[in-house]
C-alpha atoms as a PDB file:
ATOM      1  CA  MET A   1       1.789  46.629  24.599  1.00  0.00           C
ATOM      2  CA  LYS A   2      -1.227  44.487  25.608  1.00  0.00           C
ATOM      3  CA  TYR A   3      -1.845  43.729  21.951  1.00  0.00           C
ATOM      4  CA  LEU A   4       1.718  42.506  21.489  1.00  0.00           C
ATOM      5  CA  VAL A   5       1.371  40.098  24.428  1.00  0.00           C
ATOM      6  CA  VAL A   6      -1.978  38.803  23.146  1.00  0.00           C
ATOM      7  CA  LEU A   7      -0.502  38.426  19.654  1.00  0.00           C
ATOM      8  CA  ALA A   8       2.554  36.575  21.038  1.00  0.00           C
ATOM      9  CA  VAL A   9       0.322  34.200  23.058  1.00  0.00           C
ATOM     10  CA  PHE A  10      -1.851  33.589  19.986  1.00  0.00           C
ATOM     11  CA  ALA A  11       1.244  32.846  17.891  1.00  0.00           C
ATOM     12  CA  VAL A  12       2.520  30.327  20.465  1.00  0.00           C
ATOM     13  CA  VAL A  13      -0.883  28.599  20.673  1.00  0.00           C
ATOM     14  CA  PHE A  14      -1.158  28.537  16.863  1.00  0.00           C
ATOM     15  CA  ALA A  15       2.373  27.089  16.553  1.00  0.00           C
ATOM     16  CA  ALA A  16       1.515  24.415  19.125  1.00  0.00           C
ATOM     17  CA  GLU A  17      -1.562  23.478  17.103  1.00  0.00           C
ATOM     18  CA  GLU A  18       0.596  23.002  13.993  1.00  0.00           C
ATOM     19  CA  THR A  19       2.978  20.602  15.761  1.00  0.00           C
ATOM     20  CA  LYS A  20       0.264  17.983  16.309  1.00  0.00           C
ATOM     21  CA  GLU A  21       1.563  14.546  15.480  1.00  0.00           C
ATOM     22  CA  GLU A  22      -0.947  14.023  12.682  1.00  0.00           C
ATOM     23  CA  GLU A  23       0.286  12.829   9.328  1.00  0.00           C
ATOM     24  CA  ARG A  24      -1.292  12.434   5.947  1.00  0.00           C
ATOM     25  CA  PRO A  25       0.637  10.069   3.675  1.00  0.00           C
ATOM     26  CA  LYS A  26       2.618  11.547   0.819  1.00  0.00           C
ATOM     27  CA  THR A  27       0.870  11.497  -2.514  1.00  0.00           C
ATOM     28  CA  PHE A  28       2.506   9.595  -5.353  1.00  0.00           C
ATOM     29  CA  ARG A  29       2.621  10.400  -9.063  1.00  0.00           C
ATOM     30  CA  ARG A  30       3.530   8.027 -11.844  1.00  0.00           C
ATOM     31  CA  LEU A  31       3.201   7.902 -15.620  1.00  0.00           C
ATOM     32  CA  ILE A  32       1.810   4.731 -17.158  1.00  0.00           C
ATOM     33  CA  PRO A  33       0.778   3.921 -20.733  1.00  0.00           C
ATOM     34  CA  ALA A  34      -2.801   5.087 -21.220  1.00  0.00           C
ATOM     35  CA  ASP A  35      -5.575   2.700 -22.156  1.00  0.00           C
ATOM     36  CA  VAL A  36      -6.779   3.646 -25.642  1.00  0.00           C
ATOM     37  CA  LEU A  37      -9.829   2.333 -27.480  1.00  0.00           C
ATOM     38  CA  ARG A  38      -9.313   1.576 -31.179  1.00  0.00           C
ATOM     39  CA  ASP A  39     -12.349   3.705 -32.113  1.00  0.00           C
ATOM     40  CA  PHE A  40     -10.959   6.732 -30.189  1.00  0.00           C
ATOM     41  CA  PRO A  41      -7.222   6.730 -31.015  1.00  0.00           C
ATOM     42  CA  GLY A  42      -6.374  10.246 -29.780  1.00  0.00           C
ATOM     43  CA  MET A  43      -8.017   9.897 -26.379  1.00  0.00           C
ATOM     44  CA  CYS A  44      -7.315   8.117 -23.090  1.00  0.00           C
ATOM     45  CA  PHE A  45      -9.833   5.586 -21.839  1.00  0.00           C
ATOM     46  CA  ALA A  46     -10.838   6.182 -18.196  1.00  0.00           C
ATOM     47  CA  SER A  47     -11.925   2.719 -17.055  1.00  0.00           C
ATOM     48  CA  THR A  48     -13.280   3.975 -13.702  1.00  0.00           C
ATOM     49  CA  ARG A  49     -15.688   6.231 -15.617  1.00  0.00           C
ATOM     50  CA  CYS A  50     -16.102   4.058 -18.705  1.00  0.00           C
ATOM     51  CA  ALA A  51     -15.439   7.169 -20.781  1.00  0.00           C
ATOM     52  CA  THR A  52     -12.859   8.641 -23.127  1.00  0.00           C
ATOM     53  CA  VAL A  53     -10.855  11.671 -22.011  1.00  0.00           C
ATOM     54  CA  GLU A  54      -9.047  14.225 -24.180  1.00  0.00           C
ATOM     55  CA  PRO A  55      -5.362  14.967 -23.510  1.00  0.00           C
ATOM     56  CA  GLY A  56      -4.951  17.588 -20.788  1.00  0.00           C
ATOM     57  CA  ASN A  57      -8.123  16.593 -18.953  1.00  0.00           C
ATOM     58  CA  THR A  58      -8.311  14.956 -15.519  1.00  0.00           C
ATOM     59  CA  TRP A  59     -10.724  12.416 -14.046  1.00  0.00           C
ATOM     60  CA  ASP A  60     -11.424  11.070 -10.589  1.00  0.00           C
ATOM     61  CA  LEU A  61     -10.515   7.435  -9.876  1.00  0.00           C
ATOM     62  CA  ALA A  62     -13.488   6.741  -7.560  1.00  0.00           C
ATOM     63  CA  PRO A  63     -14.097   4.271  -5.964  1.00  0.00           C
ATOM     64  CA  PHE A  64     -10.308   4.505  -5.453  1.00  0.00           C
ATOM     65  CA  CYS A  65      -8.623   7.511  -3.850  1.00  0.00           C
ATOM     66  CA  GLY A  66      -6.818   9.221  -6.705  1.00  0.00           C
ATOM     67  CA  ARG A  67      -7.044  11.078  -9.975  1.00  0.00           C
ATOM     68  CA  SER A  68      -5.576  10.668 -13.434  1.00  0.00           C
ATOM     69  CA  THR A  69      -4.701  13.057 -16.230  1.00  0.00           C
ATOM     70  CA  CYS A  70      -4.430  12.175 -19.913  1.00  0.00           C
ATOM     71  CA  VAL A  71      -1.087  13.448 -21.256  1.00  0.00           C
ATOM     72  CA  VAL A  72       0.763  13.255 -24.571  1.00  0.00           C
ATOM     73  CA  SER A  73       4.375  12.080 -24.333  1.00  0.00           C
ATOM     74  CA  GLU A  74       7.242  14.033 -25.866  1.00  0.00           C
ATOM     75  CA  ASP A  75       8.391  10.888 -27.716  1.00  0.00           C
ATOM     76  CA  THR A  76       8.517  10.613 -31.473  1.00  0.00           C
ATOM     77  CA  PRO A  77       5.951   9.431 -32.354  1.00  0.00           C
ATOM     78  CA  PRO A  78       3.991  10.783 -29.383  1.00  0.00           C
ATOM     79  CA  ARG A  79       2.133   8.307 -27.145  1.00  0.00           C
ATOM     80  CA  LEU A  80      -0.774   8.790 -24.767  1.00  0.00           C
ATOM     81  CA  LEU A  81       0.129   8.418 -21.106  1.00  0.00           C
ATOM     82  CA  GLU A  82      -1.882   8.492 -17.897  1.00  0.00           C
ATOM     83  CA  LEU A  83      -0.493  10.542 -15.030  1.00  0.00           C
ATOM     84  CA  VAL A  84      -1.834   8.716 -11.967  1.00  0.00           C
ATOM     85  CA  GLU A  85      -1.872  10.492  -8.597  1.00  0.00           C
ATOM     86  CA  ASP A  86      -2.859   8.539  -5.502  1.00  0.00           C
ATOM     87  CA  CYS A  87      -2.071   8.005  -1.814  1.00  0.00           C
ATOM     88  CA  GLY A  88       0.657   5.486  -2.612  1.00  0.00           C
ATOM     89  CA  PRO A  89       1.549   2.573  -0.370  1.00  0.00           C
ATOM     90  CA  LEU A  90       0.458   2.522   3.254  1.00  0.00           C
ATOM     91  CA  PRO A  91       3.151   3.326   5.800  1.00  0.00           C
ATOM     92  CA  LEU A  92       5.021   0.522   7.522  1.00  0.00           C
ATOM     93  CA  ALA A  93       3.339  -0.799  10.678  1.00  0.00           C
ATOM     94  CA  ASN A  94       4.172   1.315  13.721  1.00  0.00           C
ATOM     95  CA  PRO A  95       2.493   0.592  17.075  1.00  0.00           C
ATOM     96  CA  LYS A  96       2.877   4.287  18.000  1.00  0.00           C
ATOM     97  CA  CYS A  97       0.870   5.464  14.954  1.00  0.00           C
ATOM     98  CA  LYS A  98      -2.781   4.670  14.309  1.00  0.00           C
ATOM     99  CA  LEU A  99      -5.125   5.301  11.402  1.00  0.00           C
ATOM    100  CA  ASP A 100      -7.421   8.142  12.509  1.00  0.00           C
ATOM    101  CA  THR A 101     -10.809   6.869  11.317  1.00  0.00           C
ATOM    102  CA  ASP A 102     -12.568   9.996  12.639  1.00  0.00           C
ATOM    103  CA  LYS A 103     -10.475  12.336  10.456  1.00  0.00           C
ATOM    104  CA  THR A 104     -10.097  10.116   7.363  1.00  0.00           C
ATOM    105  CA  ASN A 105     -12.787  10.876   4.786  1.00  0.00           C
ATOM    106  CA  LYS A 106     -12.727   8.100   2.174  1.00  0.00           C
ATOM    107  CA  THR A 107     -15.349   9.851   0.018  1.00  0.00           C
ATOM    108  CA  ALA A 108     -13.605  13.256  -0.180  1.00  0.00           C
ATOM    109  CA  PRO A 109     -12.042  14.298  -3.504  1.00  0.00           C
ATOM    110  CA  PHE A 110      -8.338  13.479  -3.893  1.00  0.00           C
ATOM    111  CA  PRO A 111      -6.105  14.122  -1.952  1.00  0.00           C
ATOM    112  CA  GLY A 112      -8.604  14.628   0.890  1.00  0.00           C
ATOM    113  CA  CYS A 113      -9.551  10.939   0.732  1.00  0.00           C
ATOM    114  CA  CYS A 114      -6.042   9.763   1.696  1.00  0.00           C
ATOM    115  CA  PRO A 115      -5.798   8.185   5.140  1.00  0.00           C
ATOM    116  CA  ILE A 116      -4.755  10.337   8.098  1.00  0.00           C
ATOM    117  CA  PHE A 117      -2.614   8.834  10.853  1.00  0.00           C
ATOM    118  CA  THR A 118      -2.125  10.069  14.402  1.00  0.00           C
ATOM    119  CA  CYS A 119       1.201   9.256  16.043  1.00  0.00           C
ATOM    120  CA  GLU A 120       2.390   9.501  19.623  1.00  0.00           C
ATOM    121  CA  GLU A 121       4.745  12.400  20.254  1.00  0.00           C
ATOM    122  CA  GLY A 122       8.122  11.806  18.602  1.00  0.00           C
ATOM    123  CA  ALA A 123       6.915   8.890  16.433  1.00  0.00           C
ATOM    124  CA  LYS A 124       7.121   9.195  12.647  1.00  0.00           C
ATOM    125  CA  LEU A 125       5.553   7.220   9.852  1.00  0.00           C
ATOM    126  CA  GLU A 126       7.946   5.342   7.583  1.00  0.00           C
ATOM    127  CA  TYR A 127       7.091   4.291   4.054  1.00  0.00           C
ATOM    128  CA  PRO A 128       8.323   1.318   2.050  1.00  0.00           C
ATOM    129  CA  GLU A 129      10.936   2.093  -0.582  1.00  0.00           C
ATOM    130  CA  LEU A 130       9.430   1.900  -4.048  1.00  0.00           C
ATOM    131  CA  PRO A 131      11.682   0.615  -6.834  1.00  0.00           C
ATOM    132  CA  THR A 132      12.510   3.289  -9.384  1.00  0.00           C
ATOM    133  CA  PRO A 133      12.236   2.185 -12.990  1.00  0.00           C
ATOM    134  CA  PRO A 134      15.391   2.722 -15.034  1.00  0.00           C
ATOM    135  CA  PRO A 135      15.429   5.779 -17.301  1.00  0.00           C
ATOM    136  CA  GLU A 136      14.177   5.210 -20.855  1.00  0.00           C
ATOM    137  CA  GLU A 137      17.737   5.287 -22.241  1.00  0.00           C
ATOM    138  CA  GLU A 138      18.813   2.362 -20.039  1.00  0.00           C
ATOM    139  CA  LYS A 139      15.700   0.380 -20.958  1.00  0.00           C
ATOM    140  CA  LYS A 140      16.463   0.806 -24.676  1.00  0.00           C
ATOM    141  CA  GLU A 141      20.043  -0.368 -24.122  1.00  0.00           C
ATOM    142  CA  GLU A 142      18.800  -3.438 -22.217  1.00  0.00           C
ATOM    143  CA  GLU A 143      16.392  -4.336 -25.047  1.00  0.00           C
ATOM    144  CA  LYS A 144      19.096  -4.359 -27.763  1.00  0.00           C
ATOM    145  CA  PRO A 145      20.127  -7.890 -28.757  1.00  0.00           C
ATOM    146  CA  LYS A 146      23.648  -8.844 -27.703  1.00  0.00           C
ATOM    147  CA  ALA A 147      26.034  -9.654 -30.559  1.00  0.00           C
END
């Protein structure tokens, strides 16, 4: 019975630790056309490393907080794309939330390098709405000349 009480107290303390008002921004992913050098047509060019990268491989975006992966599109003909993952936009200003400079490690590998914010109890970070690009089908329709 003693063990059950100790376990219950531990569970309550552990749950309280998890409800800290500390937030790490969401990470964002987006596909962009890859940079390709004419002498290396089947590879992505990683400008932050000044190197070529084969499809399927990932590279760090240092000195920025993020990583990219070289991917081949499913289009016909296939194109090289760069899947960029980063911390995204900073949250909207909130006087009840502060950047925690003691816990933010700008030199850690992604996503550990993303900023950490500490908010007063009950406060939440809000992020700006990012515009969503239209699906490829709609873009193609928009590009057709009008008769």
